[in-house]
Every structure is written in C-alpha cells, then in structure tokens.
Amino acid sequence: MESIKITVGENTQYPLNGLLTLPDDVSSPVPAVVMVHGSGPSNMDEKVMKLTPFKDLAEALAQRGIASLRYDKRTFAYAQKMKKELVSVKEETIDDALLATEMLKQNPAIDSGRIFILGHSMGAMLAPRIDAEGADVRGLILMAGTPYRLEEVVINQLKRSGEGNPVLKFIVSLEYKIFAKKFDDLYEMSDEEAKKKKFAGGINLYYFKEMGAKTAADYLLESEKPALIMQGGKDFQVLASDDYKKFCELLEGRANTEFRLYPNLNHCFVDALYDSILKASKEYGTERHIGEEVSNDIADFIMRH
C-alpha cells in the first residue's frame, strides 16, 4: 500500500490537500473510489473526534486491490474565506468531487471505467447528484445517507435531541417550532429571497432550497448505475427505522440497487457504544475502526462491477 500526496483543484481558487492511496499491485489499472465527506468542515480522513472513517476505508480497500482518493473539504481548508461567500453544496462539495473524479480518470494506474463515488452522510445525499452533474462514474456507494431533504433531516435530528429528558424536551419543542417555521414556503421563495434569509449559524435558506430541488432518491430513480446503500442499525443521526427503510421502499425491486444493514454499527460504521444523540461526544470520542465486514462488502460490490 502506498499513499501519495496530491492536490485536488491545483490551479483553482481552492486547491485542496489530499491522498491517493494505492494497493501494492498496480501492474495493471485498478478500480478506485472518490470519498465525499459528510456535513460541516472535515479533513481528508473525515475525522470525527477519535474516529477516522475515510482513513480506515482507504487503507482497508487498498489491501483489497482498490485505490482511493480523499482530500480536505473546502470548508475545512478555507473556513474563514468561505464564511464571507454565499455557498451552496455546489461550491462546498460537488465541484471538488468532480475535480477529484477527473484526476482519477487521468491517472494511468486507475481503471477509468471502474471509478466509484463513496459518499458518507451528507456526501451520500450528494453522491448521485455528483454523478449526474458530470462525474459519470461506474457506481455509487451511499453510507448513512437519506432520501429526505436536508431541512427534514435537520428538524428531525432537533426533535430527537430532547428525547429522554422532560425539561430538555420542552425546550427543544419550542426551538423545533421556531426552526421548522423558517422553512415554510421554502420552495415557493425566489432564489434571491432565500439567499437573504438565514437559518442558523450563517447558513442561508438558499443552501437548503438549492440542495432540496432533487433528493438522492430522485437521482437514483433516474439512474441505472449500480448503487450500494449502507446503514448502521444504531446510527442516531440517520435512522435505520426511517431513512434506510424509506430508501428500501422507494428503490424496492431495482436490480441495480443493493442494501446492507449493520445492526450494531453507528453513523461512522464502527461498533456503537450508545444509542442517544445526547451522547454523541462520548460515542465519537472513543477510538474505534471500521471492521472487515463493511470493508469487504464495499470491496465485493466494486469488484463485481
């Protein structure tokens, strides 16, 4: 296994540090994945406290003959600069994923016909769109994604944050009503109107409106590309009983779509310790690594396609 330092978008306004991880044997072109981060600023390992899911996967896939490209997210590398700009998921995620995919296609060590997008969390929500907007990859791997719109996910997570504590539940119920109301008539607003209205933390409503025009499920239903949808059963951010179940219902019977549920894994696909969003800091603050079952399933899916 070898990891080579690369730069995604080298001659653009936002060059990003990254790593191309290759298997030992590249005597002939190998399949590869582009890893697309979840929400918020994130480094190339997609580090969440003590967890590093992208690093785990890159190393595991290399051992199975598959290359990967991972890179710092633009909002991580240029946090202050981007705070001053009007950003949608296109500038935050999609443009760089397209550049990363093109880099792989031009690399002689990579089989350009067997490149996959692996998206985690919000990256999984965007992976089908990235493919449709020009990546044109062989297949898609969606880890802890959702067929719902982002604003629905945000509001549902807010509601769950008050579970198990009567006082907190009351406070959250008030916040829920305030934030939910912000999305009233979102898709009837003009783009300019949505850009002027704030949700929280500097995010404007256009961010949600632009992303919500089509969901991951909408894109998948329009595509014949192979897709692998993966979910942790003890994920308290994206739920197996709701998000994953909805994916299964919407995409039932499609020969190009496969599903994998891991009953004891969390949002980052490591063994879960807790089952409450209120204990997220403890859940992600204990070092663990993605196990062989997940890595094997991803590798098997790639090799079969």
C-alpha atoms as a PDB file:
ATOM      1  CA  MET A   1       0.000   0.000   0.000  1.00  0.00           C
ATOM      2  CA  GLU A   2       1.241   3.468  -0.896  1.00  0.00           C
ATOM      3  CA  SER A   3      -0.276   6.883  -0.152  1.00  0.00           C
ATOM      4  CA  ILE A   4       0.765   9.700  -2.474  1.00  0.00           C
ATOM      5  CA  LYS A   5       0.200  13.358  -1.643  1.00  0.00           C
ATOM      6  CA  ILE A   6      -1.920  15.056  -4.290  1.00  0.00           C
ATOM      7  CA  THR A   7      -3.700  18.371  -4.756  1.00  0.00           C
ATOM      8  CA  VAL A   8      -7.313  18.475  -5.889  1.00  0.00           C
ATOM      9  CA  GLY A   9      -8.019  21.629  -7.891  1.00  0.00           C
ATOM     10  CA  GLU A  10      -4.350  22.580  -8.107  1.00  0.00           C
ATOM     11  CA  ASN A  11      -4.879  25.545 -10.434  1.00  0.00           C
ATOM     12  CA  THR A  12      -8.158  26.729  -8.960  1.00  0.00           C
ATOM     13  CA  GLN A  13      -9.056  29.256  -6.287  1.00  0.00           C
ATOM     14  CA  TYR A  14      -9.325  26.429  -3.727  1.00  0.00           C
ATOM     15  CA  PRO A  15      -6.512  23.868  -4.056  1.00  0.00           C
ATOM     16  CA  LEU A  16      -7.028  21.045  -1.558  1.00  0.00           C
ATOM     17  CA  ASN A  17      -4.522  18.672   0.024  1.00  0.00           C
ATOM     18  CA  GLY A  18      -5.321  15.020  -0.485  1.00  0.00           C
ATOM     19  CA  LEU A  19      -4.007  11.479  -0.582  1.00  0.00           C
ATOM     20  CA  LEU A  20      -4.178   8.928  -3.364  1.00  0.00           C
ATOM     21  CA  THR A  21      -3.897   5.522  -1.686  1.00  0.00           C
ATOM     22  CA  LEU A  22      -2.868   2.702  -3.999  1.00  0.00           C
ATOM     23  CA  PRO A  23      -2.721  -1.063  -3.497  1.00  0.00           C
ATOM     24  CA  ASP A  24       0.640  -2.797  -3.715  1.00  0.00           C
ATOM     25  CA  ASP A  25      -0.027  -4.231  -7.165  1.00  0.00           C
ATOM     26  CA  VAL A  26      -0.688  -1.584  -9.806  1.00  0.00           C
ATOM     27  CA  SER A  27       0.904  -3.541 -12.649  1.00  0.00           C
ATOM     28  CA  SER A  28      -2.446  -3.125 -14.391  1.00  0.00           C
ATOM     29  CA  PRO A  29      -5.042  -0.378 -13.817  1.00  0.00           C
ATOM     30  CA  VAL A  30      -7.055  -0.802 -10.599  1.00  0.00           C
ATOM     31  CA  PRO A  31     -10.580   0.292  -9.592  1.00  0.00           C
ATOM     32  CA  ALA A  32     -10.880   3.340  -7.340  1.00  0.00           C
ATOM     33  CA  VAL A  33     -13.226   5.375  -5.178  1.00  0.00           C
ATOM     34  CA  VAL A  34     -13.579   9.106  -4.565  1.00  0.00           C
ATOM     35  CA  MET A  35     -14.585   9.759  -0.962  1.00  0.00           C
ATOM     36  CA  VAL A  36     -17.128  12.535  -0.352  1.00  0.00           C
ATOM     37  CA  HIS A  37     -17.492  13.954   3.162  1.00  0.00           C
ATOM     38  CA  GLY A  38     -20.478  14.458   5.395  1.00  0.00           C
ATOM     39  CA  SER A  39     -21.729  17.871   6.532  1.00  0.00           C
ATOM     40  CA  GLY A  40     -19.534  20.531   8.088  1.00  0.00           C
ATOM     41  CA  PRO A  41     -15.793  21.186   7.775  1.00  0.00           C
ATOM     42  CA  SER A  42     -13.787  17.956   7.605  1.00  0.00           C
ATOM     43  CA  ASN A  43     -10.257  16.844   6.829  1.00  0.00           C
ATOM     44  CA  MET A  44      -9.338  14.155   4.330  1.00  0.00           C
ATOM     45  CA  ASP A  45      -9.716  11.380   6.943  1.00  0.00           C
ATOM     46  CA  GLU A  46     -13.228  12.683   7.737  1.00  0.00           C
ATOM     47  CA  LYS A  47     -12.029  12.850  11.343  1.00  0.00           C
ATOM     48  CA  VAL A  48     -14.844  12.998  13.907  1.00  0.00           C
ATOM     49  CA  MET A  49     -13.178  13.338  17.300  1.00  0.00           C
ATOM     50  CA  LYS A  50     -11.387   9.961  17.686  1.00  0.00           C
ATOM     51  CA  LEU A  51     -12.881   8.340  14.562  1.00  0.00           C
ATOM     52  CA  THR A  52     -11.342   8.454  11.058  1.00  0.00           C
ATOM     53  CA  PRO A  53     -13.716   6.616   8.711  1.00  0.00           C
ATOM     54  CA  PHE A  54     -12.132   7.677   5.410  1.00  0.00           C
ATOM     55  CA  LYS A  55      -8.631   6.746   6.551  1.00  0.00           C
ATOM     56  CA  ASP A  56      -9.925   3.367   7.741  1.00  0.00           C
ATOM     57  CA  LEU A  57     -11.645   2.701   4.429  1.00  0.00           C
ATOM     58  CA  ALA A  58      -8.734   3.879   2.276  1.00  0.00           C
ATOM     59  CA  GLU A  59      -6.327   1.500   3.987  1.00  0.00           C
ATOM     60  CA  ALA A  60      -8.772  -1.413   4.016  1.00  0.00           C
ATOM     61  CA  LEU A  61      -9.684  -1.018   0.340  1.00  0.00           C
ATOM     62  CA  ALA A  62      -6.031  -0.777  -0.695  1.00  0.00           C
ATOM     63  CA  GLN A  63      -5.466  -4.158   0.951  1.00  0.00           C
ATOM     64  CA  ARG A  64      -8.260  -5.458  -1.273  1.00  0.00           C
ATOM     65  CA  GLY A  65      -6.796  -4.126  -4.525  1.00  0.00           C
ATOM     66  CA  ILE A  66      -8.786  -0.869  -4.705  1.00  0.00           C
ATOM     67  CA  ALA A  67      -7.376   2.668  -4.854  1.00  0.00           C
ATOM     68  CA  SER A  68      -8.980   5.694  -3.234  1.00  0.00           C
ATOM     69  CA  LEU A  69      -8.718   9.449  -3.337  1.00  0.00           C
ATOM     70  CA  ARG A  70      -9.563  11.508  -0.277  1.00  0.00           C
ATOM     71  CA  TYR A  71      -8.961  15.204   0.334  1.00  0.00           C
ATOM     72  CA  ASP A  72      -9.631  18.029   2.769  1.00  0.00           C
ATOM     73  CA  LYS A  73     -13.063  19.538   2.391  1.00  0.00           C
ATOM     74  CA  ARG A  74     -13.114  23.093   1.083  1.00  0.00           C
ATOM     75  CA  THR A  75     -14.862  24.442   4.182  1.00  0.00           C
ATOM     76  CA  PHE A  76     -12.126  22.852   6.316  1.00  0.00           C
ATOM     77  CA  ALA A  77      -9.179  24.168   4.326  1.00  0.00           C
ATOM     78  CA  TYR A  78     -10.632  27.631   3.682  1.00  0.00           C
ATOM     79  CA  ALA A  79     -13.011  28.126   6.602  1.00  0.00           C
ATOM     80  CA  GLN A  80     -12.549  31.868   7.081  1.00  0.00           C
ATOM     81  CA  LYS A  81     -12.543  32.675   3.384  1.00  0.00           C
ATOM     82  CA  MET A  82     -15.713  30.733   2.709  1.00  0.00           C
ATOM     83  CA  LYS A  83     -17.594  32.341   5.592  1.00  0.00           C
ATOM     84  CA  LYS A  84     -17.558  35.542   3.547  1.00  0.00           C
ATOM     85  CA  GLU A  85     -19.092  33.881   0.485  1.00  0.00           C
ATOM     86  CA  LEU A  86     -22.556  32.701  -0.437  1.00  0.00           C
ATOM     87  CA  VAL A  87     -22.036  28.959  -0.506  1.00  0.00           C
ATOM     88  CA  SER A  88     -24.266  26.157  -1.752  1.00  0.00           C
ATOM     89  CA  VAL A  89     -23.385  22.456  -1.816  1.00  0.00           C
ATOM     90  CA  LYS A  90     -22.106  23.012  -5.346  1.00  0.00           C
ATOM     91  CA  GLU A  91     -19.217  25.162  -4.119  1.00  0.00           C
ATOM     92  CA  GLU A  92     -18.868  23.311  -0.810  1.00  0.00           C
ATOM     93  CA  THR A  93     -18.743  19.738  -2.129  1.00  0.00           C
ATOM     94  CA  ILE A  94     -19.780  18.998  -5.703  1.00  0.00           C
ATOM     95  CA  ASP A  95     -17.210  20.994  -7.667  1.00  0.00           C
ATOM     96  CA  ASP A  96     -14.290  19.425  -5.785  1.00  0.00           C
ATOM     97  CA  ALA A  97     -15.701  15.901  -6.097  1.00  0.00           C
ATOM     98  CA  LEU A  98     -15.898  16.409  -9.864  1.00  0.00           C
ATOM     99  CA  LEU A  99     -12.273  17.573  -9.956  1.00  0.00           C
ATOM    100  CA  ALA A 100     -11.195  14.586  -7.849  1.00  0.00           C
ATOM    101  CA  THR A 101     -13.005  12.165 -10.143  1.00  0.00           C
ATOM    102  CA  GLU A 102     -11.374  13.679 -13.206  1.00  0.00           C
ATOM    103  CA  MET A 103      -7.958  13.337 -11.553  1.00  0.00           C
ATOM    104  CA  LEU A 104      -8.537   9.619 -11.123  1.00  0.00           C
ATOM    105  CA  LYS A 105      -9.714   9.230 -14.706  1.00  0.00           C
ATOM    106  CA  GLN A 106      -6.456  10.777 -15.950  1.00  0.00           C
ATOM    107  CA  ASN A 107      -4.220   8.603 -13.754  1.00  0.00           C
ATOM    108  CA  PRO A 108      -2.739   5.631 -15.684  1.00  0.00           C
ATOM    109  CA  ALA A 109      -2.711   3.494 -12.516  1.00  0.00           C
ATOM    110  CA  ILE A 110      -6.512   3.755 -12.334  1.00  0.00           C
ATOM    111  CA  ASP A 111      -9.076   1.907 -14.436  1.00  0.00           C
ATOM    112  CA  SER A 112     -11.102   4.902 -15.621  1.00  0.00           C
ATOM    113  CA  GLY A 113     -14.104   2.681 -16.310  1.00  0.00           C
ATOM    114  CA  ARG A 114     -14.264   1.428 -12.718  1.00  0.00           C
ATOM    115  CA  ILE A 115     -14.335   4.578 -10.602  1.00  0.00           C
ATOM    116  CA  PHE A 116     -16.945   4.805  -7.843  1.00  0.00           C
ATOM    117  CA  ILE A 117     -18.181   7.631  -5.642  1.00  0.00           C
ATOM    118  CA  LEU A 118     -18.321   6.738  -1.966  1.00  0.00           C
ATOM    119  CA  GLY A 119     -20.349   9.306  -0.047  1.00  0.00           C
ATOM    120  CA  HIS A 120     -20.871   9.339   3.699  1.00  0.00           C
ATOM    121  CA  SER A 121     -23.816  11.048   5.437  1.00  0.00           C
ATOM    122  CA  MET A 122     -24.388  14.292   3.533  1.00  0.00           C
ATOM    123  CA  GLY A 123     -21.856  13.048   0.993  1.00  0.00           C
ATOM    124  CA  ALA A 124     -24.186  10.106   0.404  1.00  0.00           C
ATOM    125  CA  MET A 125     -27.052  12.539  -0.168  1.00  0.00           C
ATOM    126  CA  LEU A 126     -24.964  14.262  -2.850  1.00  0.00           C
ATOM    127  CA  ALA A 127     -23.222  11.283  -4.491  1.00  0.00           C
ATOM    128  CA  PRO A 128     -25.970  10.601  -7.079  1.00  0.00           C
ATOM    129  CA  ARG A 129     -26.066  14.298  -7.981  1.00  0.00           C
ATOM    130  CA  ILE A 130     -22.279  14.401  -8.391  1.00  0.00           C
ATOM    131  CA  ASP A 131     -22.537  11.518 -10.813  1.00  0.00           C
ATOM    132  CA  ALA A 132     -25.385  13.152 -12.728  1.00  0.00           C
ATOM    133  CA  GLU A 133     -23.605  16.514 -12.940  1.00  0.00           C
ATOM    134  CA  GLY A 134     -20.558  15.189 -14.724  1.00  0.00           C
ATOM    135  CA  ALA A 135     -18.617  12.621 -12.693  1.00  0.00           C
ATOM    136  CA  ASP A 136     -20.190   9.807 -14.734  1.00  0.00           C
ATOM    137  CA  VAL A 137     -18.735   7.030 -12.589  1.00  0.00           C
ATOM    138  CA  ARG A 138     -19.300   3.281 -12.662  1.00  0.00           C
ATOM    139  CA  GLY A 139     -21.326   3.133  -9.467  1.00  0.00           C
ATOM    140  CA  LEU A 140     -22.300   4.713  -6.175  1.00  0.00           C
ATOM    141  CA  ILE A 141     -21.774   3.752  -2.544  1.00  0.00           C
ATOM    142  CA  LEU A 142     -24.038   5.573  -0.084  1.00  0.00           C
ATOM    143  CA  MET A 143     -23.082   5.236   3.584  1.00  0.00           C
ATOM    144  CA  ALA A 144     -25.576   6.580   6.146  1.00  0.00           C
ATOM    145  CA  GLY A 145     -27.433   8.615   3.557  1.00  0.00           C
ATOM    146  CA  THR A 146     -31.071   9.631   3.454  1.00  0.00           C
ATOM    147  CA  PRO A 147     -33.743  10.044   0.772  1.00  0.00           C
ATOM    148  CA  TYR A 148     -35.144  13.050   2.640  1.00  0.00           C
ATOM    149  CA  ARG A 149     -34.344  16.701   2.085  1.00  0.00           C
ATOM    150  CA  LEU A 150     -31.714  18.305   4.301  1.00  0.00           C
ATOM    151  CA  GLU A 151     -34.163  20.537   6.141  1.00  0.00           C
ATOM    152  CA  GLU A 152     -36.243  17.490   7.062  1.00  0.00           C
ATOM    153  CA  VAL A 153     -33.138  15.780   8.425  1.00  0.00           C
ATOM    154  CA  VAL A 154     -32.148  18.841  10.459  1.00  0.00           C
ATOM    155  CA  ILE A 155     -35.590  19.241  12.008  1.00  0.00           C
ATOM    156  CA  ASN A 156     -35.892  15.535  12.799  1.00  0.00           C
ATOM    157  CA  GLN A 157     -32.487  15.499  14.495  1.00  0.00           C
ATOM    158  CA  LEU A 158     -33.513  18.527  16.544  1.00  0.00           C
ATOM    159  CA  LYS A 159     -36.670  16.759  17.679  1.00  0.00           C
ATOM    160  CA  ARG A 160     -34.706  13.690  18.765  1.00  0.00           C
ATOM    161  CA  SER A 161     -32.222  15.749  20.763  1.00  0.00           C
ATOM    162  CA  GLY A 162     -34.835  16.215  23.511  1.00  0.00           C
ATOM    163  CA  GLU A 163     -35.718  12.574  23.949  1.00  0.00           C
ATOM    164  CA  GLY A 164     -35.374  11.112  27.450  1.00  0.00           C
ATOM    165  CA  ASN A 165     -35.267  14.431  29.297  1.00  0.00           C
ATOM    166  CA  PRO A 166     -38.630  16.132  30.038  1.00  0.00           C
ATOM    167  CA  VAL A 167     -37.143  19.601  30.610  1.00  0.00           C
ATOM    168  CA  LEU A 168     -34.912  19.423  27.564  1.00  0.00           C
ATOM    169  CA  LYS A 169     -37.781  18.012  25.526  1.00  0.00           C
ATOM    170  CA  PHE A 170     -39.881  21.088  26.361  1.00  0.00           C
ATOM    171  CA  ILE A 171     -37.074  23.459  25.384  1.00  0.00           C
ATOM    172  CA  VAL A 172     -36.416  21.552  22.178  1.00  0.00           C
ATOM    173  CA  SER A 173     -40.106  21.586  21.287  1.00  0.00           C
ATOM    174  CA  LEU A 174     -40.025  25.388  21.367  1.00  0.00           C
ATOM    175  CA  GLU A 175     -36.858  25.527  19.259  1.00  0.00           C
ATOM    176  CA  TYR A 176     -38.340  22.988  16.863  1.00  0.00           C
ATOM    177  CA  LYS A 177     -41.340  25.200  16.172  1.00  0.00           C
ATOM    178  CA  ILE A 178     -39.121  28.242  15.604  1.00  0.00           C
ATOM    179  CA  PHE A 179     -36.731  26.491  13.223  1.00  0.00           C
ATOM    180  CA  ALA A 180     -39.409  24.481  11.400  1.00  0.00           C
ATOM    181  CA  LYS A 181     -41.275  27.704  10.648  1.00  0.00           C
ATOM    182  CA  LYS A 182     -38.214  29.086   8.860  1.00  0.00           C
ATOM    183  CA  PHE A 183     -38.750  26.501   6.131  1.00  0.00           C
ATOM    184  CA  ASP A 184     -42.357  27.450   5.470  1.00  0.00           C
ATOM    185  CA  ASP A 185     -42.851  28.061   1.743  1.00  0.00           C
ATOM    186  CA  LEU A 186     -39.133  27.435   1.088  1.00  0.00           C
ATOM    187  CA  TYR A 187     -39.691  26.140  -2.430  1.00  0.00           C
ATOM    188  CA  GLU A 188     -42.073  28.960  -3.288  1.00  0.00           C
ATOM    189  CA  MET A 189     -39.391  31.564  -2.466  1.00  0.00           C
ATOM    190  CA  SER A 190     -37.305  33.084  -5.230  1.00  0.00           C
ATOM    191  CA  ASP A 191     -33.596  32.288  -5.081  1.00  0.00           C
ATOM    192  CA  GLU A 192     -32.831  35.891  -4.153  1.00  0.00           C
ATOM    193  CA  GLU A 193     -35.344  35.844  -1.313  1.00  0.00           C
ATOM    194  CA  ALA A 194     -33.937  32.563   0.025  1.00  0.00           C
ATOM    195  CA  LYS A 195     -30.393  33.964  -0.109  1.00  0.00           C
ATOM    196  CA  LYS A 196     -31.396  36.840   2.161  1.00  0.00           C
ATOM    197  CA  LYS A 197     -32.977  34.673   4.858  1.00  0.00           C
ATOM    198  CA  LYS A 198     -30.846  32.961   7.489  1.00  0.00           C
ATOM    199  CA  PHE A 199     -31.457  29.615   9.124  1.00  0.00           C
ATOM    200  CA  ALA A 200     -28.754  29.367  11.795  1.00  0.00           C
ATOM    201  CA  GLY A 201     -25.009  29.796  12.099  1.00  0.00           C
ATOM    202  CA  GLY A 202     -24.808  31.949   8.982  1.00  0.00           C
ATOM    203  CA  ILE A 203     -26.422  29.356   6.695  1.00  0.00           C
ATOM    204  CA  ASN A 204     -28.999  30.922   4.396  1.00  0.00           C
ATOM    205  CA  LEU A 205     -32.172  29.240   3.199  1.00  0.00           C
ATOM    206  CA  TYR A 206     -30.888  29.101  -0.372  1.00  0.00           C
ATOM    207  CA  TYR A 207     -28.428  26.418   0.779  1.00  0.00           C
ATOM    208  CA  PHE A 208     -31.407  24.184   1.615  1.00  0.00           C
ATOM    209  CA  LYS A 209     -33.518  25.233  -1.375  1.00  0.00           C
ATOM    210  CA  GLU A 210     -30.778  24.582  -3.919  1.00  0.00           C
ATOM    211  CA  MET A 211     -29.931  21.184  -2.454  1.00  0.00           C
ATOM    212  CA  GLY A 212     -33.550  20.174  -1.931  1.00  0.00           C
ATOM    213  CA  ALA A 213     -34.635  20.676  -5.535  1.00  0.00           C
ATOM    214  CA  LYS A 214     -33.877  16.959  -6.050  1.00  0.00           C
ATOM    215  CA  THR A 215     -33.155  14.364  -3.387  1.00  0.00           C
ATOM    216  CA  ALA A 216     -30.714  11.458  -3.549  1.00  0.00           C
ATOM    217  CA  ALA A 217     -33.669   9.159  -4.167  1.00  0.00           C
ATOM    218  CA  ASP A 218     -34.847  11.318  -7.076  1.00  0.00           C
ATOM    219  CA  TYR A 219     -31.451  10.986  -8.752  1.00  0.00           C
ATOM    220  CA  LEU A 220     -31.200   7.252  -8.042  1.00  0.00           C
ATOM    221  CA  LEU A 221     -34.622   6.609  -9.557  1.00  0.00           C
ATOM    222  CA  GLU A 222     -33.424   8.279 -12.762  1.00  0.00           C
ATOM    223  CA  SER A 223     -30.198   6.259 -12.919  1.00  0.00           C
ATOM    224  CA  GLU A 224     -29.322   2.722 -13.940  1.00  0.00           C
ATOM    225  CA  LYS A 225     -25.905   2.865 -12.254  1.00  0.00           C
ATOM    226  CA  PRO A 226     -25.126   0.199  -9.630  1.00  0.00           C
ATOM    227  CA  ALA A 227     -25.765   1.551  -6.132  1.00  0.00           C
ATOM    228  CA  LEU A 228     -24.916   0.162  -2.693  1.00  0.00           C
ATOM    229  CA  ILE A 229     -26.880   1.665   0.205  1.00  0.00           C
ATOM    230  CA  MET A 230     -25.341   1.024   3.634  1.00  0.00           C
ATOM    231  CA  GLN A 231     -26.719   1.797   7.101  1.00  0.00           C
ATOM    232  CA  GLY A 232     -25.721   1.313  10.714  1.00  0.00           C
ATOM    233  CA  GLY A 233     -28.536  -0.055  12.865  1.00  0.00           C
ATOM    234  CA  LYS A 234     -27.504   2.056  15.869  1.00  0.00           C
ATOM    235  CA  ASP A 235     -26.980   5.284  13.962  1.00  0.00           C
ATOM    236  CA  PHE A 236     -28.788   8.040  15.876  1.00  0.00           C
ATOM    237  CA  GLN A 237     -28.231  10.723  13.225  1.00  0.00           C
ATOM    238  CA  VAL A 238     -29.653   8.868  10.232  1.00  0.00           C
ATOM    239  CA  LEU A 239     -32.102   6.186  11.276  1.00  0.00           C
ATOM    240  CA  ALA A 240     -32.377   2.613  10.061  1.00  0.00           C
ATOM    241  CA  SER A 241     -36.055   2.653  11.034  1.00  0.00           C
ATOM    242  CA  ASP A 242     -36.779   5.755   8.963  1.00  0.00           C
ATOM    243  CA  ASP A 243     -34.165   6.919   6.427  1.00  0.00           C
ATOM    244  CA  TYR A 244     -32.851   3.480   5.446  1.00  0.00           C
ATOM    245  CA  LYS A 245     -36.340   1.984   5.486  1.00  0.00           C
ATOM    246  CA  LYS A 246     -37.545   4.753   3.180  1.00  0.00           C
ATOM    247  CA  PHE A 247     -34.682   4.084   0.766  1.00  0.00           C
ATOM    248  CA  CYS A 248     -35.628   0.402   0.717  1.00  0.00           C
ATOM    249  CA  GLU A 249     -39.259   1.252  -0.015  1.00  0.00           C
ATOM    250  CA  LEU A 250     -38.502   3.778  -2.757  1.00  0.00           C
ATOM    251  CA  LEU A 251     -35.929   1.608  -4.523  1.00  0.00           C
ATOM    252  CA  GLU A 252     -37.502  -1.803  -3.924  1.00  0.00           C
ATOM    253  CA  GLY A 253     -37.107  -4.265  -6.752  1.00  0.00           C
ATOM    254  CA  ARG A 254     -34.452  -2.329  -8.654  1.00  0.00           C
ATOM    255  CA  ALA A 255     -31.852  -4.796  -9.930  1.00  0.00           C
ATOM    256  CA  ASN A 256     -29.099  -2.166  -9.814  1.00  0.00           C
ATOM    257  CA  THR A 257     -29.565  -1.373  -6.096  1.00  0.00           C
ATOM    258  CA  GLU A 258     -28.182  -3.322  -3.124  1.00  0.00           C
ATOM    259  CA  PHE A 259     -28.767  -2.757   0.582  1.00  0.00           C
ATOM    260  CA  ARG A 260     -26.653  -3.547   3.648  1.00  0.00           C
ATOM    261  CA  LEU A 261     -27.764  -3.039   7.249  1.00  0.00           C
ATOM    262  CA  TYR A 262     -25.277  -3.495  10.098  1.00  0.00           C
ATOM    263  CA  PRO A 263     -27.336  -3.841  13.299  1.00  0.00           C
ATOM    264  CA  ASN A 264     -24.592  -2.898  15.788  1.00  0.00           C
ATOM    265  CA  LEU A 265     -22.815  -0.076  13.947  1.00  0.00           C
ATOM    266  CA  ASN A 266     -23.176   3.680  14.361  1.00  0.00           C
ATOM    267  CA  HIS A 267     -23.137   6.631  11.951  1.00  0.00           C
ATOM    268  CA  CYS A 268     -19.403   6.187  11.268  1.00  0.00           C
ATOM    269  CA  PHE A 269     -19.771   2.409  10.783  1.00  0.00           C
ATOM    270  CA  VAL A 270     -17.879   1.391  13.913  1.00  0.00           C
ATOM    271  CA  ASP A 271     -19.313  -0.564  16.842  1.00  0.00           C
ATOM    272  CA  ALA A 272     -21.869   1.602  18.665  1.00  0.00           C
ATOM    273  CA  LEU A 273     -21.457   2.361  22.356  1.00  0.00           C
ATOM    274  CA  TYR A 274     -24.578   4.448  22.979  1.00  0.00           C
ATOM    275  CA  ASP A 275     -27.977   4.892  21.369  1.00  0.00           C
ATOM    276  CA  SER A 276     -28.714   8.555  22.041  1.00  0.00           C
ATOM    277  CA  ILE A 277     -27.838  11.691  20.111  1.00  0.00           C
ATOM    278  CA  LEU A 278     -27.266  13.347  23.505  1.00  0.00           C
ATOM    279  CA  LYS A 279     -24.204  11.133  23.953  1.00  0.00           C
ATOM    280  CA  ALA A 280     -22.643  11.950  20.598  1.00  0.00           C
ATOM    281  CA  SER A 281     -19.444  13.315  22.151  1.00  0.00           C
ATOM    282  CA  LYS A 282     -18.897  10.079  24.063  1.00  0.00           C
ATOM    283  CA  GLU A 283     -19.901   7.975  21.070  1.00  0.00           C
ATOM    284  CA  TYR A 284     -17.356   9.602  18.784  1.00  0.00           C
ATOM    285  CA  GLY A 285     -14.737  10.285  21.477  1.00  0.00           C
ATOM    286  CA  THR A 286     -13.663   6.665  21.875  1.00  0.00           C
ATOM    287  CA  GLU A 287     -11.244   5.360  19.256  1.00  0.00           C
ATOM    288  CA  ARG A 288     -12.547   2.501  17.102  1.00  0.00           C
ATOM    289  CA  HIS A 289     -12.102   1.491  13.494  1.00  0.00           C
ATOM    290  CA  ILE A 290     -14.302   0.257  10.675  1.00  0.00           C
ATOM    291  CA  GLY A 291     -14.403  -3.531  10.681  1.00  0.00           C
ATOM    292  CA  GLU A 292     -13.819  -6.088   7.966  1.00  0.00           C
ATOM    293  CA  GLU A 293     -17.492  -6.731   7.224  1.00  0.00           C
ATOM    294  CA  VAL A 294     -18.059  -3.194   5.952  1.00  0.00           C
ATOM    295  CA  SER A 295     -14.791  -3.063   4.001  1.00  0.00           C
ATOM    296  CA  ASN A 296     -15.426  -6.479   2.489  1.00  0.00           C
ATOM    297  CA  ASP A 297     -18.932  -5.523   1.365  1.00  0.00           C
ATOM    298  CA  ILE A 298     -17.671  -2.361  -0.326  1.00  0.00           C
ATOM    299  CA  ALA A 299     -14.789  -4.182  -1.990  1.00  0.00           C
ATOM    300  CA  ASP A 300     -17.062  -7.001  -3.158  1.00  0.00           C
ATOM    301  CA  PHE A 301     -19.521  -4.511  -4.658  1.00  0.00           C
ATOM    302  CA  ILE A 302     -16.737  -2.718  -6.525  1.00  0.00           C
ATOM    303  CA  MET A 303     -15.099  -5.885  -7.816  1.00  0.00           C
ATOM    304  CA  ARG A 304     -18.427  -7.265  -9.080  1.00  0.00           C
ATOM    305  CA  HIS A 305     -18.977  -4.130 -11.131  1.00  0.00           C
END
